[in-house]
PDB file of N, CA and C in Angstrom:
ATOM      1  N   MET A   1       0.847  -1.183   0.000  1.00  0.00           N
ATOM      2  CA  MET A   1       0.000   0.000   0.000  1.00  0.00           C
ATOM      3  C   MET A   1       0.886   1.237   0.000  1.00  0.00           C
ATOM      4  N   ALA A   2       0.560   2.194  -0.816  1.00  0.00           N
ATOM      5  CA  ALA A   2       1.345   3.417  -0.957  1.00  0.00           C
ATOM      6  C   ALA A   2       1.097   4.360   0.224  1.00  0.00           C
ATOM      7  N   GLU A   3       2.108   5.183   0.490  1.00  0.00           N
ATOM      8  CA  GLU A   3       1.982   6.196   1.537  1.00  0.00           C
ATOM      9  C   GLU A   3       0.864   7.157   1.161  1.00  0.00           C
ATOM     10  N   GLN A   4       0.038   7.486   2.141  1.00  0.00           N
ATOM     11  CA  GLN A   4      -1.121   8.326   1.882  1.00  0.00           C
ATOM     12  C   GLN A   4      -0.701   9.667   1.276  1.00  0.00           C
ATOM     13  N   PHE A   5      -1.370  10.042   0.213  1.00  0.00           N
ATOM     14  CA  PHE A   5      -1.192  11.292  -0.525  1.00  0.00           C
ATOM     15  C   PHE A   5       0.119  11.377  -1.298  1.00  0.00           C
ATOM     16  N   SER A   6       0.807  10.253  -1.473  1.00  0.00           N
ATOM     17  CA  SER A   6       2.005  10.223  -2.316  1.00  0.00           C
ATOM     18  C   SER A   6       1.570  10.099  -3.775  1.00  0.00           C
ATOM     19  N   VAL A   7       2.537  10.244  -4.680  1.00  0.00           N
ATOM     20  CA  VAL A   7       2.244  10.076  -6.108  1.00  0.00           C
ATOM     21  C   VAL A   7       1.682   8.680  -6.360  1.00  0.00           C
ATOM     22  N   ALA A   8       2.302   7.689  -5.773  1.00  0.00           N
ATOM     23  CA  ALA A   8       1.837   6.308  -5.962  1.00  0.00           C
ATOM     24  C   ALA A   8       0.417   6.120  -5.433  1.00  0.00           C
ATOM     25  N   PHE A   9       0.104   6.738  -4.327  1.00  0.00           N
ATOM     26  CA  PHE A   9      -1.236   6.672  -3.745  1.00  0.00           C
ATOM     27  C   PHE A   9      -2.273   7.217  -4.730  1.00  0.00           C
ATOM     28  N   PHE A  10      -1.986   8.395  -5.284  1.00  0.00           N
ATOM     29  CA  PHE A  10      -2.937   8.998  -6.219  1.00  0.00           C
ATOM     30  C   PHE A  10      -3.012   8.214  -7.526  1.00  0.00           C
ATOM     31  N   GLU A  11      -1.894   7.694  -7.977  1.00  0.00           N
ATOM     32  CA  GLU A  11      -1.919   6.870  -9.188  1.00  0.00           C
ATOM     33  C   GLU A  11      -2.827   5.662  -8.984  1.00  0.00           C
ATOM     34  N   GLU A  12      -2.674   5.006  -7.851  1.00  0.00           N
ATOM     35  CA  GLU A  12      -3.502   3.840  -7.542  1.00  0.00           C
ATOM     36  C   GLU A  12      -4.984   4.225  -7.483  1.00  0.00           C
ATOM     37  N   ASN A  13      -5.273   5.342  -6.862  1.00  0.00           N
ATOM     38  CA  ASN A  13      -6.661   5.782  -6.752  1.00  0.00           C
ATOM     39  C   ASN A  13      -7.248   6.201  -8.098  1.00  0.00           C
ATOM     40  N   PHE A  14      -6.434   6.844  -8.929  1.00  0.00           N
ATOM     41  CA  PHE A  14      -6.895   7.162 -10.282  1.00  0.00           C
ATOM     42  C   PHE A  14      -7.309   5.877 -11.006  1.00  0.00           C
ATOM     43  N   LYS A  15      -6.442   4.875 -10.964  1.00  0.00           N
ATOM     44  CA  LYS A  15      -6.710   3.611 -11.661  1.00  0.00           C
ATOM     45  C   LYS A  15      -7.957   2.919 -11.123  1.00  0.00           C
ATOM     46  N   GLN A  16      -8.120   2.920  -9.812  1.00  0.00           N
ATOM     47  CA  GLN A  16      -9.310   2.316  -9.208  1.00  0.00           C
ATOM     48  C   GLN A  16     -10.566   3.079  -9.607  1.00  0.00           C
ATOM     49  N   TYR A  17     -10.499   4.402  -9.606  1.00  0.00           N
ATOM     50  CA  TYR A  17     -11.653   5.223  -9.967  1.00  0.00           C
ATOM     51  C   TYR A  17     -12.042   4.990 -11.427  1.00  0.00           C
ATOM     52  N   ILE A  18     -11.043   4.922 -12.285  1.00  0.00           N
ATOM     53  CA  ILE A  18     -11.300   4.647 -13.711  1.00  0.00           C
ATOM     54  C   ILE A  18     -11.976   3.294 -13.866  1.00  0.00           C
ATOM     55  N   GLU A  19     -11.465   2.280 -13.189  1.00  0.00           N
ATOM     56  CA  GLU A  19     -12.022   0.927 -13.292  1.00  0.00           C
ATOM     57  C   GLU A  19     -13.452   0.876 -12.763  1.00  0.00           C
ATOM     58  N   ARG A  20     -13.693   1.487 -11.623  1.00  0.00           N
ATOM     59  CA  ARG A  20     -15.037   1.460 -11.017  1.00  0.00           C
ATOM     60  C   ARG A  20     -16.071   2.204 -11.857  1.00  0.00           C
ATOM     61  N   ASN A  21     -15.615   3.175 -12.641  1.00  0.00           N
ATOM     62  CA  ASN A  21     -16.549   4.002 -13.407  1.00  0.00           C
ATOM     63  C   ASN A  21     -16.450   3.800 -14.909  1.00  0.00           C
ATOM     64  N   LYS A  22     -15.847   2.691 -15.332  1.00  0.00           N
ATOM     65  CA  LYS A  22     -15.638   2.470 -16.765  1.00  0.00           C
ATOM     66  C   LYS A  22     -16.940   2.358 -17.555  1.00  0.00           C
ATOM     67  N   ASP A  23     -18.038   1.998 -16.904  1.00  0.00           N
ATOM     68  CA  ASP A  23     -19.326   1.913 -17.593  1.00  0.00           C
ATOM     69  C   ASP A  23     -20.004   3.274 -17.729  1.00  0.00           C
ATOM     70  N   VAL A  24     -19.500   4.268 -16.987  1.00  0.00           N
ATOM     71  CA  VAL A  24     -20.137   5.582 -16.956  1.00  0.00           C
ATOM     72  C   VAL A  24     -19.279   6.648 -17.626  1.00  0.00           C
ATOM     73  N   PHE A  25     -17.952   6.598 -17.375  1.00  0.00           N
ATOM     74  CA  PHE A  25     -17.049   7.638 -17.858  1.00  0.00           C
ATOM     75  C   PHE A  25     -15.981   7.054 -18.772  1.00  0.00           C
ATOM     76  N   THR A  26     -15.485   7.895 -19.683  1.00  0.00           N
ATOM     77  CA  THR A  26     -14.260   7.553 -20.394  1.00  0.00           C
ATOM     78  C   THR A  26     -13.112   7.702 -19.394  1.00  0.00           C
ATOM     79  N   LYS A  27     -11.957   7.209 -19.752  1.00  0.00           N
ATOM     80  CA  LYS A  27     -10.792   7.337 -18.868  1.00  0.00           C
ATOM     81  C   LYS A  27     -10.537   8.800 -18.522  1.00  0.00           C
ATOM     82  N   SER A  28     -10.568   9.650 -19.535  1.00  0.00           N
ATOM     83  CA  SER A  28     -10.315  11.080 -19.338  1.00  0.00           C
ATOM     84  C   SER A  28     -11.348  11.719 -18.417  1.00  0.00           C
ATOM     85  N   HIS A  29     -12.613  11.400 -18.636  1.00  0.00           N
ATOM     86  CA  HIS A  29     -13.674  11.956 -17.791  1.00  0.00           C
ATOM     87  C   HIS A  29     -13.553  11.466 -16.345  1.00  0.00           C
ATOM     88  N   ALA A  30     -13.231  10.204 -16.178  1.00  0.00           N
ATOM     89  CA  ALA A  30     -13.072   9.650 -14.831  1.00  0.00           C
ATOM     90  C   ALA A  30     -11.908  10.319 -14.119  1.00  0.00           C
ATOM     91  N   MET A  31     -10.802  10.489 -14.829  1.00  0.00           N
ATOM     92  CA  MET A  31      -9.643  11.141 -14.212  1.00  0.00           C
ATOM     93  C   MET A  31      -9.958  12.577 -13.829  1.00  0.00           C
ATOM     94  N   ASN A  32     -10.650  13.296 -14.706  1.00  0.00           N
ATOM     95  CA  ASN A  32     -11.019  14.679 -14.405  1.00  0.00           C
ATOM     96  C   ASN A  32     -11.973  14.753 -13.214  1.00  0.00           C
ATOM     97  N   ALA A  33     -12.923  13.839 -13.142  1.00  0.00           N
ATOM     98  CA  ALA A  33     -13.874  13.821 -12.028  1.00  0.00           C
ATOM     99  C   ALA A  33     -13.157  13.553 -10.705  1.00  0.00           C
ATOM    100  N   TYR A  34     -12.248  12.588 -10.704  1.00  0.00           N
ATOM    101  CA  TYR A  34     -11.487  12.279  -9.489  1.00  0.00           C
ATOM    102  C   TYR A  34     -10.617  13.470  -9.101  1.00  0.00           C
ATOM    103  N   TYR A  35      -9.946  14.047 -10.065  1.00  0.00           N
ATOM    104  CA  TYR A  35      -9.066  15.196  -9.814  1.00  0.00           C
ATOM    105  C   TYR A  35      -9.847  16.350  -9.199  1.00  0.00           C
ATOM    106  N   ARG A  36     -10.979  16.693  -9.810  1.00  0.00           N
ATOM    107  CA  ARG A  36     -11.799  17.798  -9.298  1.00  0.00           C
ATOM    108  C   ARG A  36     -12.306  17.504  -7.891  1.00  0.00           C
ATOM    109  N   SER A  37     -12.661  16.252  -7.646  1.00  0.00           N
ATOM    110  CA  SER A  37     -13.132  15.864  -6.321  1.00  0.00           C
ATOM    111  C   SER A  37     -12.047  16.072  -5.263  1.00  0.00           C
ATOM    112  N   ILE A  38     -10.841  15.643  -5.560  1.00  0.00           N
ATOM    113  CA  ILE A  38      -9.736  15.771  -4.612  1.00  0.00           C
ATOM    114  C   ILE A  38      -9.364  17.239  -4.418  1.00  0.00           C
ATOM    115  N   VAL A  39      -9.244  17.983  -5.504  1.00  0.00           N
ATOM    116  CA  VAL A  39      -8.889  19.402  -5.393  1.00  0.00           C
ATOM    117  C   VAL A  39      -9.968  20.154  -4.606  1.00  0.00           C
ATOM    118  N   GLY A  40     -11.225  19.867  -4.885  1.00  0.00           N
ATOM    119  CA  GLY A  40     -12.309  20.514  -4.150  1.00  0.00           C
ATOM    120  C   GLY A  40     -12.246  20.220  -2.669  1.00  0.00           C
ATOM    121  N   THR A  41     -11.936  18.989  -2.322  1.00  0.00           N
ATOM    122  CA  THR A  41     -11.810  18.608  -0.916  1.00  0.00           C
ATOM    123  C   THR A  41     -10.658  19.352  -0.264  1.00  0.00           C
ATOM    124  N   LEU A  42      -9.523  19.413  -0.946  1.00  0.00           N
ATOM    125  CA  LEU A  42      -8.364  20.108  -0.383  1.00  0.00           C
ATOM    126  C   LEU A  42      -8.625  21.601  -0.222  1.00  0.00           C
ATOM    127  N   ILE A  43      -9.269  22.204  -1.198  1.00  0.00           N
ATOM    128  CA  ILE A  43      -9.579  23.630  -1.113  1.00  0.00           C
ATOM    129  C   ILE A  43     -10.542  23.889   0.034  1.00  0.00           C
ATOM    130  N   ASN A  44     -11.583  23.094   0.138  1.00  0.00           N
ATOM    131  CA  ASN A  44     -12.548  23.287   1.224  1.00  0.00           C
ATOM    132  C   ASN A  44     -11.906  23.084   2.581  1.00  0.00           C
ATOM    133  N   ASP A  45     -11.024  22.103   2.688  1.00  0.00           N
ATOM    134  CA  ASP A  45     -10.327  21.868   3.946  1.00  0.00           C
ATOM    135  C   ASP A  45      -9.480  23.084   4.298  1.00  0.00           C
ATOM    136  N   HIS A  46      -8.774  23.619   3.316  1.00  0.00           N
ATOM    137  CA  HIS A  46      -7.943  24.805   3.532  1.00  0.00           C
ATOM    138  C   HIS A  46      -8.807  26.001   3.931  1.00  0.00           C
ATOM    139  N   LEU A  47      -9.927  26.170   3.266  1.00  0.00           N
ATOM    140  CA  LEU A  47     -10.811  27.289   3.595  1.00  0.00           C
ATOM    141  C   LEU A  47     -11.387  27.154   4.991  1.00  0.00           C
ATOM    142  N   ASN A  48     -11.733  25.937   5.386  1.00  0.00           N
ATOM    143  CA  ASN A  48     -12.260  25.732   6.731  1.00  0.00           C
ATOM    144  C   ASN A  48     -11.231  26.104   7.784  1.00  0.00           C
ATOM    145  N   LYS A  49      -9.972  25.764   7.543  1.00  0.00           N
ATOM    146  CA  LYS A  49      -8.918  26.135   8.484  1.00  0.00           C
ATOM    147  C   LYS A  49      -8.770  27.643   8.532  1.00  0.00           C
ATOM    148  N   ASN A  50      -8.802  28.295   7.369  1.00  0.00           N
ATOM    149  CA  ASN A  50      -8.722  29.754   7.333  1.00  0.00           C
ATOM    150  C   ASN A  50      -9.913  30.374   8.034  1.00  0.00           C
ATOM    151  N   ALA A  51     -11.090  29.804   7.833  1.00  0.00           N
ATOM    152  CA  ALA A  51     -12.291  30.328   8.484  1.00  0.00           C
ATOM    153  C   ALA A  51     -12.167  30.211   9.989  1.00  0.00           C
ATOM    154  N   GLU A  52     -11.586  29.140  10.474  1.00  0.00           N
ATOM    155  CA  GLU A  52     -11.386  28.966  11.906  1.00  0.00           C
ATOM    156  C   GLU A  52     -10.415  30.008  12.445  1.00  0.00           C
ATOM    157  N   ILE A  53      -9.362  30.268  11.704  1.00  0.00           N
ATOM    158  CA  ILE A  53      -8.406  31.299  12.114  1.00  0.00           C
ATOM    159  C   ILE A  53      -9.081  32.660  12.141  1.00  0.00           C
ATOM    160  N   VAL A  54      -9.843  32.974  11.111  1.00  0.00           N
ATOM    161  CA  VAL A  54     -10.557  34.255  11.054  1.00  0.00           C
ATOM    162  C   VAL A  54     -11.529  34.365  12.221  1.00  0.00           C
ATOM    163  N   ARG A  55     -12.241  33.280  12.520  1.00  0.00           N
ATOM    164  CA  ARG A  55     -13.183  33.302  13.644  1.00  0.00           C
ATOM    165  C   ARG A  55     -12.462  33.596  14.951  1.00  0.00           C
ATOM    166  N   ARG A  56     -11.326  32.972  15.153  1.00  0.00           N
ATOM    167  CA  ARG A  56     -10.567  33.194  16.391  1.00  0.00           C
ATOM    168  C   ARG A  56     -10.064  34.623  16.481  1.00  0.00           C
ATOM    169  N   ILE A  57      -9.579  35.162  15.372  1.00  0.00           N
ATOM    170  CA  ILE A  57      -9.110  36.549  15.369  1.00  0.00           C
ATOM    171  C   ILE A  57     -10.262  37.504  15.649  1.00  0.00           C
ATOM    172  N   ARG A  58     -11.421  37.245  15.046  1.00  0.00           N
ATOM    173  CA  ARG A  58     -12.593  38.094  15.322  1.00  0.00           C
ATOM    174  C   ARG A  58     -12.981  38.019  16.793  1.00  0.00           C
ATOM    175  N   ASN A  59     -12.957  36.828  17.355  1.00  0.00           N
ATOM    176  CA  ASN A  59     -13.279  36.670  18.772  1.00  0.00           C
ATOM    177  C   ASN A  59     -12.265  37.410  19.639  1.00  0.00           C
ATOM    178  N   LEU A  60     -10.990  37.332  19.289  1.00  0.00           N
ATOM    179  CA  LEU A  60      -9.957  38.045  20.011  1.00  0.00           C
ATOM    180  C   LEU A  60     -10.201  39.548  19.946  1.00  0.00           C
ATOM    181  N   GLU A  61     -10.522  40.043  18.759  1.00  0.00           N
ATOM    182  CA  GLU A  61     -10.794  41.473  18.583  1.00  0.00           C
ATOM    183  C   GLU A  61     -12.007  41.901  19.401  1.00  0.00           C
ATOM    184  N   THR A  62     -13.060  41.108  19.391  1.00  0.00           N
ATOM    185  CA  THR A  62     -14.265  41.421  20.170  1.00  0.00           C
ATOM    186  C   THR A  62     -13.937  41.441  21.660  1.00  0.00           C
ATOM    187  N   ALA A  63     -13.215  40.448  22.119  1.00  0.00           N
ATOM    188  CA  ALA A  63     -12.831  40.405  23.536  1.00  0.00           C
ATOM    189  C   ALA A  63     -11.990  41.614  23.892  1.00  0.00           C
ATOM    190  N   TYR A  64     -11.059  41.972  23.037  1.00  0.00           N
ATOM    191  CA  TYR A  64     -10.210  43.149  23.265  1.00  0.00           C
ATOM    192  C   TYR A  64     -11.064  44.407  23.399  1.00  0.00           C
ATOM    193  N   THR A  65     -11.992  44.564  22.468  1.00  0.00           N
ATOM    194  CA  THR A  65     -12.859  45.742  22.489  1.00  0.00           C
ATOM    195  C   THR A  65     -13.737  45.734  23.753  1.00  0.00           C
ATOM    196  N   ASN A  66     -14.294  44.594  24.093  1.00  0.00           N
ATOM    197  CA  ASN A  66     -15.155  44.505  25.274  1.00  0.00           C
ATOM    198  C   ASN A  66     -14.397  44.855  26.551  1.00  0.00           C
ATOM    199  N   VAL A  67     -13.200  44.322  26.702  1.00  0.00           N
ATOM    200  CA  VAL A  67     -12.410  44.595  27.906  1.00  0.00           C
ATOM    201  C   VAL A  67     -11.957  46.057  27.915  1.00  0.00           C
ATOM    202  N   LYS A  68     -11.579  46.546  26.770  1.00  0.00           N
ATOM    203  CA  LYS A  68     -11.134  47.948  26.653  1.00  0.00           C
ATOM    204  C   LYS A  68     -12.248  48.913  27.076  1.00  0.00           C
ATOM    205  N   ASN A  69     -13.479  48.597  26.684  1.00  0.00           N
ATOM    206  CA  ASN A  69     -14.610  49.495  26.956  1.00  0.00           C
ATOM    207  C   ASN A  69     -15.296  49.227  28.279  1.00  0.00           C
ATOM    208  N   SER A  70     -14.840  48.272  29.072  1.00  0.00           N
ATOM    209  CA  SER A  70     -15.524  47.989  30.347  1.00  0.00           C
ATOM    210  C   SER A  70     -14.893  48.719  31.504  1.00  0.00           C
TER     211      SER A  70
END
């Protein structure tokens, strides 16, 4: 089994995705669908982390303002 998220890992997953969807997609379409799925997941994961950081900074700013004005 390949190391998670290595080139070999993704190659194996591409091949499995193509095989599982050979009745529905051409090889190219299957590869594009898998690629978009993975990229979308990575982008959303990154955005969620950024959103968490932004939320914490906003909370810090609110707390600062509240303490400053009390």
